[in-house]
Amino acid sequence: MYRLVRQASVRELALTQAPALAASFVVAELFYKFHSFTLECAAFLATWAVIDFLTSLVTRMFASDPGGESTAA
């Protein structure tokens, strides 16, 4: 986590992690009622990781060039 914060800029973190963090927080608040801080924290972090993975996967799918054509001449 420390390495992530040190290597990424604040703008990059805000653009990439903030939406996943917010969505994970909402899911955890609405659905996770384990009556154990440790379990809820672990579930929140796992949810954040899954949502972050899915958003990065979708971003890569839409950012990739399906035809493999280069715009450079």
Protein backbone atom coordinates (compact mmCIF):
# COMPACT_ATOMS: atom_id res chain seq x y z
CA MET A 1 0.00 0.00 0.00
CA TYR A 2 2.82 2.40 0.87
CA ARG A 3 4.52 1.66 -2.44
CA LEU A 4 1.27 2.35 -4.30
CA VAL A 5 0.89 5.73 -2.66
CA ARG A 6 4.55 6.65 -3.16
CA GLN A 7 4.71 5.65 -6.84
CA ALA A 8 1.41 7.08 -8.04
CA SER A 9 0.56 10.76 -8.21
CA VAL A 10 -2.38 12.15 -6.27
CA ARG A 11 -4.24 12.80 -9.52
CA GLU A 12 -3.65 9.25 -10.74
CA LEU A 13 -4.81 7.79 -7.43
CA ALA A 14 -7.91 9.99 -7.45
CA LEU A 15 -8.83 8.97 -10.98
CA THR A 16 -8.16 5.25 -10.62
CA GLN A 17 -8.79 4.35 -6.99
CA ALA A 18 -11.43 6.80 -5.79
CA PRO A 19 -14.34 5.28 -7.76
CA ALA A 20 -13.44 1.74 -6.69
CA LEU A 21 -12.95 2.87 -3.09
CA ALA A 22 -16.31 4.66 -3.03
CA ALA A 23 -18.18 1.72 -4.57
CA SER A 24 -16.53 -0.70 -2.13
CA PHE A 25 -17.43 1.52 0.80
CA VAL A 26 -21.09 1.62 -0.28
CA VAL A 27 -21.21 -2.17 -0.74
CA ALA A 28 -19.59 -2.73 2.64
CA GLU A 29 -21.93 -0.34 4.43
CA LEU A 30 -25.04 -1.83 2.84
CA PHE A 31 -24.27 -5.54 2.89
CA TYR A 32 -21.51 -6.45 5.34
CA LYS A 33 -22.88 -6.92 8.85
CA PHE A 34 -20.55 -9.55 10.30
CA HIS A 35 -20.41 -7.96 13.78
CA SER A 36 -16.65 -8.31 13.57
CA PHE A 37 -14.35 -5.47 12.57
CA THR A 38 -11.74 -7.88 11.21
CA LEU A 39 -14.17 -9.72 8.96
CA GLU A 40 -15.81 -6.54 7.71
CA CYS A 41 -12.42 -4.93 7.03
CA ALA A 42 -11.19 -8.01 5.15
CA ALA A 43 -14.41 -8.16 3.12
CA PHE A 44 -14.14 -4.44 2.34
CA LEU A 45 -10.54 -4.79 1.14
CA ALA A 46 -11.44 -7.86 -0.95
CA THR A 47 -14.36 -5.97 -2.47
CA TRP A 48 -12.10 -3.03 -3.26
CA ALA A 49 -9.59 -5.35 -4.95
CA VAL A 50 -12.28 -7.05 -7.04
CA ILE A 51 -13.92 -3.78 -8.10
CA ASP A 52 -10.51 -2.27 -8.92
CA PHE A 53 -9.61 -5.36 -10.97
CA LEU A 54 -12.90 -5.23 -12.88
CA THR A 55 -12.61 -1.51 -13.61
CA SER A 56 -9.04 -1.91 -14.84
CA LEU A 57 -10.12 -4.86 -17.00
CA VAL A 58 -12.96 -2.86 -18.56
CA THR A 59 -10.69 0.14 -19.03
CA ARG A 60 -8.10 -2.00 -20.83
CA MET A 61 -10.78 -3.54 -23.05
CA PHE A 62 -12.06 -0.15 -24.19
CA ALA A 63 -8.60 1.44 -24.41
CA SER A 64 -7.10 -1.27 -26.60
CA ASP A 65 -7.16 -0.97 -30.37
CA PRO A 66 -9.24 -3.94 -31.63
CA GLY A 67 -7.91 -3.73 -35.19
CA GLY A 68 -4.31 -3.40 -34.13
CA GLU A 69 -3.93 -0.40 -36.41
CA SER A 70 -1.46 2.27 -35.51
CA THR A 71 -2.38 5.94 -35.91
CA ALA A 72 1.26 6.89 -36.45
CA ALA A 73 2.39 7.32 -40.05
